[in-house]
Amino acid sequence: MHRLAQLLLIALMVPSGLLAQEKIESTGPAFAAVPELKAAFDLLYQQNFSEARAAFETWEERNPGEPFGEVAVAATYLYEELYRQGVLTSDFFLNEKKFLHGIDGKPDRERMNKFRGALARTRELAQERRRTDPKDPEALFALTLAAGMESDADQILEKKALEALKRMKEANEYAKQLLAKHPEATDAYVAPGIANYIIGSLNPGYRFALWFGGIHGDKKLGMEQVGKTAENGIYLRPFAKIMLALAARREKQNALAQRLLRELSEEFPTSDLFAAEYAKAMGRPTPATILAP
């Protein structure tokens, strides 16, 4: 009995020791708010794209081995194009054809080339870190975001459905590896969350076909995952909030959409996007218009 008690004590101590070790090691930008990065993301959410990009590039120059700098630069190009194309609006989300098949026309080619270039550099830096540690959390975090953003770009902007699904599956795999050991990396939940919601929104026949390819979707689970980032994310919390609010409008969860959009409009009072979407959700006249491309 004494020996059994010792073994039980050791078994109880090991997980807590490993968790403490992980928390000590997880001190990079994926796990702890960096003031310069937080300020740069705030600029992004206020649609100050050039200023946000310059701030990320400055941070990147001082931290050349961190893949997060490059993935943040990539985010500025994607967010800007989504904004210019009117994707981050209820007009887009509530239009079934656009939501499932993408924008009308084509995205800005120069902006997309710069986006792809930043993603390529992100992957180079992340894989360099993984040569030393295949489970490097900062690398997995950057790879999750890179694949998730590229999937969004392929699906919504480029209308390359098969490529989007491949990247979506890739983002899910990286996210699973990361979150299995680091559930505190709450920004990473947004990638599989969006994937789950979009796939879950497809017609049953198409979802059944994708199931055989190992690609699954669940709208409820997707909203729950995006909600984790919306509640506790470090940098992507506002992005998760707008995505969750727009999904809530699709699902006729008006109270949730109104709350999230009110919070965003209060946090970013100079953003015409959040002000306009809050007004729409409340059934009020729109106080600002989204800029044309």
Protein backbone atom coordinates (compact mmCIF):
# COMPACT_ATOMS: atom_id res chain seq x y z
CA MET A 1 0.00 0.00 0.00
CA HIS A 2 2.86 2.34 0.80
CA ARG A 3 4.43 1.64 -2.63
CA LEU A 4 1.06 2.23 -4.35
CA ALA A 5 0.72 5.54 -2.55
CA GLN A 6 4.18 6.59 -3.75
CA LEU A 7 3.32 5.71 -7.35
CA LEU A 8 0.06 7.64 -7.17
CA LEU A 9 1.88 10.64 -5.75
CA ILE A 10 4.43 10.54 -8.57
CA ALA A 11 1.65 10.20 -11.16
CA LEU A 12 -0.10 13.25 -9.75
CA MET A 13 3.09 15.30 -9.63
CA VAL A 14 4.32 14.63 -13.18
CA PRO A 15 1.57 16.41 -15.14
CA SER A 16 1.76 19.51 -12.96
CA GLY A 17 5.51 19.57 -13.34
CA LEU A 18 5.27 19.30 -17.11
CA LEU A 19 2.61 22.00 -17.21
CA ALA A 20 4.79 24.32 -15.15
CA GLN A 21 7.69 23.66 -17.50
CA GLU A 22 5.55 24.43 -20.54
CA LYS A 23 4.36 27.70 -19.05
CA ILE A 24 7.94 28.75 -18.37
CA GLU A 25 8.97 27.93 -21.92
CA SER A 26 5.89 29.54 -23.53
CA THR A 27 6.99 33.15 -23.22
CA GLY A 28 6.96 34.18 -26.89
CA PRO A 29 4.42 36.47 -28.56
CA ALA A 30 1.95 33.62 -29.06
CA PHE A 31 1.50 33.30 -25.32
CA ALA A 32 2.23 36.69 -23.78
CA ALA A 33 1.06 40.10 -24.97
CA VAL A 34 3.87 42.22 -26.41
CA PRO A 35 2.91 45.93 -26.12
CA GLU A 36 4.34 46.87 -29.53
CA LEU A 37 2.47 44.04 -31.24
CA LYS A 38 -0.77 44.78 -29.39
CA ALA A 39 -0.56 48.43 -30.47
CA ALA A 40 0.10 47.40 -34.07
CA PHE A 41 -2.93 45.10 -34.11
CA ASP A 42 -5.04 47.93 -32.69
CA LEU A 43 -3.98 50.02 -35.69
CA LEU A 44 -5.01 47.18 -37.97
CA TYR A 45 -8.48 46.96 -36.43
CA GLN A 46 -8.89 50.70 -36.92
CA GLN A 47 -8.18 50.16 -40.63
CA ASN A 48 -4.82 51.98 -40.44
CA PHE A 49 -3.23 49.30 -42.59
CA SER A 50 0.02 50.99 -43.62
CA GLU A 51 0.78 52.14 -40.08
CA ALA A 52 0.09 48.67 -38.69
CA ARG A 53 2.30 47.06 -41.31
CA ALA A 54 5.16 49.47 -40.58
CA ALA A 55 4.87 48.73 -36.85
CA PHE A 56 5.02 44.97 -37.43
CA GLU A 57 8.01 45.35 -39.74
CA THR A 58 9.83 47.43 -37.12
CA TRP A 59 9.22 44.75 -34.49
CA GLU A 60 10.30 42.08 -36.96
CA GLU A 61 13.62 43.83 -37.59
CA ARG A 62 14.34 43.71 -33.86
CA ASN A 63 13.23 40.06 -33.60
CA PRO A 64 14.47 38.43 -36.82
CA GLY A 65 14.12 34.84 -35.61
CA GLU A 66 10.45 35.15 -34.66
CA PRO A 67 7.99 33.91 -37.31
CA PHE A 68 5.19 35.87 -35.63
CA GLY A 69 6.47 39.13 -37.13
CA GLU A 70 6.07 37.86 -40.68
CA VAL A 71 2.70 36.22 -40.08
CA ALA A 72 1.49 39.53 -38.61
CA VAL A 73 2.65 41.37 -41.75
CA ALA A 74 0.76 38.80 -43.84
CA ALA A 75 -2.33 39.45 -41.71
CA THR A 76 -2.27 43.15 -42.60
CA TYR A 77 -2.44 42.38 -46.32
CA LEU A 78 -5.23 39.83 -45.93
CA TYR A 79 -7.29 41.94 -43.51
CA GLU A 80 -6.94 44.95 -45.81
CA GLU A 81 -8.12 42.99 -48.84
CA LEU A 82 -11.03 41.45 -46.94
CA TYR A 83 -12.00 44.94 -45.82
CA ARG A 84 -11.70 46.47 -49.30
CA GLN A 85 -13.81 43.65 -50.76
CA GLY A 86 -16.53 44.06 -48.13
CA VAL A 87 -16.05 40.54 -46.79
CA LEU A 88 -16.11 41.53 -43.12
CA THR A 89 -19.71 42.70 -43.33
CA SER A 90 -23.16 41.25 -42.81
CA ASP A 91 -23.92 42.10 -46.45
CA PHE A 92 -21.36 39.45 -47.44
CA PHE A 93 -22.11 36.89 -44.71
CA LEU A 94 -25.87 37.01 -45.24
CA ASN A 95 -25.49 36.56 -48.99
CA GLU A 96 -25.39 32.77 -49.32
CA LYS A 97 -23.79 32.80 -52.76
CA LYS A 98 -20.95 35.10 -51.74
CA PHE A 99 -20.42 33.43 -48.37
CA LEU A 100 -20.01 29.97 -49.92
CA HIS A 101 -18.43 30.92 -53.25
CA GLY A 102 -16.40 34.07 -52.65
CA ILE A 103 -16.22 37.66 -53.81
CA ASP A 104 -17.37 39.07 -57.10
CA GLY A 105 -14.41 39.84 -59.34
CA LYS A 106 -10.78 39.42 -58.34
CA PRO A 107 -8.60 40.63 -55.46
CA ASP A 108 -5.83 43.19 -55.80
CA ARG A 109 -2.95 41.27 -57.37
CA GLU A 110 -0.10 43.28 -55.84
CA ARG A 111 -1.56 43.02 -52.35
CA MET A 112 -2.07 39.28 -52.70
CA ASN A 113 1.49 38.76 -53.96
CA LYS A 114 2.82 40.56 -50.90
CA PHE A 115 0.54 38.46 -48.72
CA ARG A 116 1.86 35.23 -50.24
CA GLY A 117 5.44 36.45 -49.90
CA ALA A 118 4.99 37.14 -46.19
CA LEU A 119 3.48 33.68 -45.74
CA ALA A 120 6.46 32.07 -47.45
CA ARG A 121 8.87 33.89 -45.12
CA THR A 122 6.71 32.88 -42.14
CA ARG A 123 7.02 29.23 -43.08
CA GLU A 124 10.78 29.50 -43.61
CA LEU A 125 11.29 30.97 -40.14
CA ALA A 126 8.90 28.49 -38.53
CA GLN A 127 10.51 25.45 -40.13
CA GLU A 128 13.94 26.74 -39.12
CA ARG A 129 12.79 26.69 -35.48
CA ARG A 130 11.29 23.22 -35.93
CA ARG A 131 14.65 21.84 -37.00
CA THR A 132 15.75 22.37 -33.41
CA ASP A 133 12.39 21.47 -31.85
CA PRO A 134 9.67 19.91 -34.06
CA LYS A 135 7.05 20.92 -31.47
CA ASP A 136 8.27 24.50 -31.05
CA PRO A 137 5.06 26.29 -29.97
CA GLU A 138 5.88 29.60 -31.65
CA ALA A 139 6.52 27.80 -34.92
CA LEU A 140 3.30 25.79 -34.67
CA PHE A 141 1.36 28.93 -33.84
CA ALA A 142 2.74 30.80 -36.87
CA LEU A 143 2.10 27.81 -39.15
CA THR A 144 -1.47 27.52 -37.87
CA LEU A 145 -2.18 31.17 -38.63
CA ALA A 146 -0.40 31.03 -41.99
CA ALA A 147 -2.39 28.01 -43.20
CA GLY A 148 -5.65 29.41 -41.82
CA MET A 149 -5.19 32.78 -43.52
CA GLU A 150 -4.17 31.19 -46.80
CA SER A 151 -7.26 28.98 -46.67
CA ASP A 152 -9.44 32.08 -46.21
CA ALA A 153 -7.70 33.82 -49.10
CA ASP A 154 -8.05 30.79 -51.38
CA GLN A 155 -11.72 30.27 -50.56
CA ILE A 156 -13.04 33.83 -50.37
CA LEU A 157 -10.74 35.92 -52.56
CA GLU A 158 -9.17 33.54 -55.08
CA LYS A 159 -12.10 31.07 -55.25
CA LYS A 160 -9.78 28.07 -55.26
CA ALA A 161 -11.93 25.63 -53.29
CA LEU A 162 -9.62 22.60 -53.41
CA GLU A 163 -6.56 24.59 -52.37
CA ALA A 164 -8.61 26.20 -49.58
CA LEU A 165 -9.60 22.79 -48.24
CA LYS A 166 -5.99 21.58 -48.25
CA ARG A 167 -4.85 24.62 -46.29
CA MET A 168 -7.82 24.32 -43.98
CA LYS A 169 -6.84 20.75 -43.13
CA GLU A 170 -3.23 21.85 -42.66
CA ALA A 171 -4.29 24.62 -40.26
CA ASN A 172 -6.35 22.14 -38.26
CA GLU A 173 -3.41 19.75 -37.91
CA TYR A 174 -1.01 22.44 -36.71
CA ALA A 175 -3.66 23.79 -34.32
CA LYS A 176 -4.25 20.34 -32.84
CA GLN A 177 -0.53 19.85 -32.21
CA LEU A 178 -0.22 23.24 -30.59
CA LEU A 179 -3.39 23.24 -28.50
CA ALA A 180 -2.86 19.69 -27.24
CA LYS A 181 0.04 20.97 -25.13
CA HIS A 182 -0.68 24.68 -25.05
CA PRO A 183 -4.43 25.31 -24.70
CA GLU A 184 -3.53 28.78 -23.40
CA ALA A 185 -2.60 29.80 -26.98
CA THR A 186 -6.18 30.98 -27.42
CA ASP A 187 -5.52 32.96 -30.62
CA ALA A 188 -4.97 29.63 -32.39
CA TYR A 189 -8.59 28.52 -31.90
CA VAL A 190 -9.83 30.96 -34.53
CA ALA A 191 -8.30 29.02 -37.46
CA PRO A 192 -10.03 25.66 -36.85
CA GLY A 193 -13.12 27.53 -35.69
CA ILE A 194 -13.60 29.36 -38.98
CA ALA A 195 -12.88 26.14 -40.87
CA ASN A 196 -15.47 24.21 -38.89
CA TYR A 197 -18.08 26.91 -39.38
CA ILE A 198 -17.58 27.29 -43.12
CA ILE A 199 -17.57 23.53 -43.81
CA GLY A 200 -20.52 23.07 -41.49
CA SER A 201 -22.42 25.64 -43.56
CA LEU A 202 -22.10 23.61 -46.76
CA ASN A 203 -24.95 21.45 -48.00
CA PRO A 204 -25.11 17.93 -46.46
CA GLY A 205 -24.11 16.16 -49.68
CA TYR A 206 -20.91 18.17 -50.06
CA ARG A 207 -20.06 17.75 -46.36
CA PHE A 208 -20.54 13.98 -46.72
CA ALA A 209 -18.12 13.90 -49.67
CA LEU A 210 -15.54 15.91 -47.73
CA TRP A 211 -15.90 13.57 -44.77
CA PHE A 212 -14.29 10.77 -46.80
CA GLY A 213 -11.30 13.05 -47.36
CA GLY A 214 -10.89 13.51 -43.63
CA ILE A 215 -12.34 17.03 -43.66
CA HIS A 216 -15.11 17.60 -41.14
CA GLY A 217 -17.22 20.59 -40.28
CA ASP A 218 -19.50 21.58 -37.43
CA LYS A 219 -21.07 25.03 -37.24
CA LYS A 220 -21.75 24.88 -33.51
CA LEU A 221 -18.23 23.68 -32.69
CA GLY A 222 -16.80 26.30 -35.04
CA MET A 223 -18.60 29.12 -33.25
CA GLU A 224 -17.48 27.74 -29.88
CA GLN A 225 -13.85 27.69 -31.04
CA VAL A 226 -13.98 31.20 -32.48
CA GLY A 227 -15.67 32.20 -29.22
CA LYS A 228 -12.61 31.06 -27.26
CA THR A 229 -10.46 33.52 -29.19
CA ALA A 230 -13.14 36.21 -28.95
CA GLU A 231 -13.18 35.78 -25.18
CA ASN A 232 -9.52 35.27 -24.32
CA GLY A 233 -7.41 35.97 -27.42
CA ILE A 234 -4.35 38.20 -27.16
CA TYR A 235 -4.06 39.74 -30.63
CA LEU A 236 -6.86 38.15 -32.65
CA ARG A 237 -9.68 38.76 -30.17
CA PRO A 238 -11.23 41.63 -32.21
CA PHE A 239 -10.96 39.63 -35.44
CA ALA A 240 -12.61 36.65 -33.75
CA LYS A 241 -15.33 38.93 -32.42
CA ILE A 242 -16.26 40.31 -35.84
CA MET A 243 -16.24 36.82 -37.36
CA LEU A 244 -18.34 35.41 -34.51
CA ALA A 245 -20.75 38.36 -34.69
CA LEU A 246 -21.26 37.87 -38.43
CA ALA A 247 -21.75 34.12 -37.95
CA ALA A 248 -24.25 34.90 -35.19
CA ARG A 249 -26.19 37.10 -37.58
CA ARG A 250 -26.32 34.21 -40.06
CA GLU A 251 -27.62 31.95 -37.31
CA LYS A 252 -30.13 34.58 -36.13
CA GLN A 253 -28.43 34.85 -32.74
CA ASN A 254 -29.08 38.56 -32.69
CA ALA A 255 -28.35 39.23 -29.03
CA LEU A 256 -24.87 37.73 -29.35
CA ALA A 257 -24.16 39.66 -32.55
CA GLN A 258 -25.34 42.94 -31.03
CA ARG A 259 -23.23 42.48 -27.90
CA LEU A 260 -20.05 41.67 -29.80
CA LEU A 261 -20.50 44.51 -32.28
CA ARG A 262 -21.26 46.98 -29.50
CA GLU A 263 -18.06 45.95 -27.73
CA LEU A 264 -16.04 46.36 -30.92
CA SER A 265 -17.52 49.77 -31.73
CA GLU A 266 -16.75 50.94 -28.19
CA GLU A 267 -13.20 49.56 -28.23
CA PHE A 268 -12.47 51.00 -31.70
CA PRO A 269 -14.66 54.12 -32.01
CA THR A 270 -12.82 55.35 -35.13
CA SER A 271 -13.54 52.14 -37.08
CA ASP A 272 -16.25 52.72 -39.67
CA LEU A 273 -16.53 48.94 -40.13
CA PHE A 274 -17.55 48.16 -36.55
CA ALA A 275 -19.81 51.23 -36.28
CA ALA A 276 -21.62 50.30 -39.49
CA GLU A 277 -22.10 46.65 -38.54
CA TYR A 278 -23.35 47.55 -35.06
CA ALA A 279 -25.91 49.92 -36.59
CA LYS A 280 -27.09 47.20 -39.00
CA ALA A 281 -27.41 44.66 -36.19
CA MET A 282 -29.50 47.14 -34.21
CA GLY A 283 -31.67 48.05 -37.19
CA ARG A 284 -30.47 51.66 -37.15
CA PRO A 285 -29.32 53.94 -40.00
CA THR A 286 -25.71 53.23 -40.92
CA PRO A 287 -23.49 56.07 -39.63
CA ALA A 288 -20.54 55.25 -41.86
CA THR A 289 -19.93 53.44 -45.14
CA ILE A 290 -17.30 50.91 -45.93
CA LEU A 291 -14.68 52.27 -48.30
CA ALA A 292 -14.84 51.01 -51.86
CA PRO A 293 -11.86 49.04 -53.23
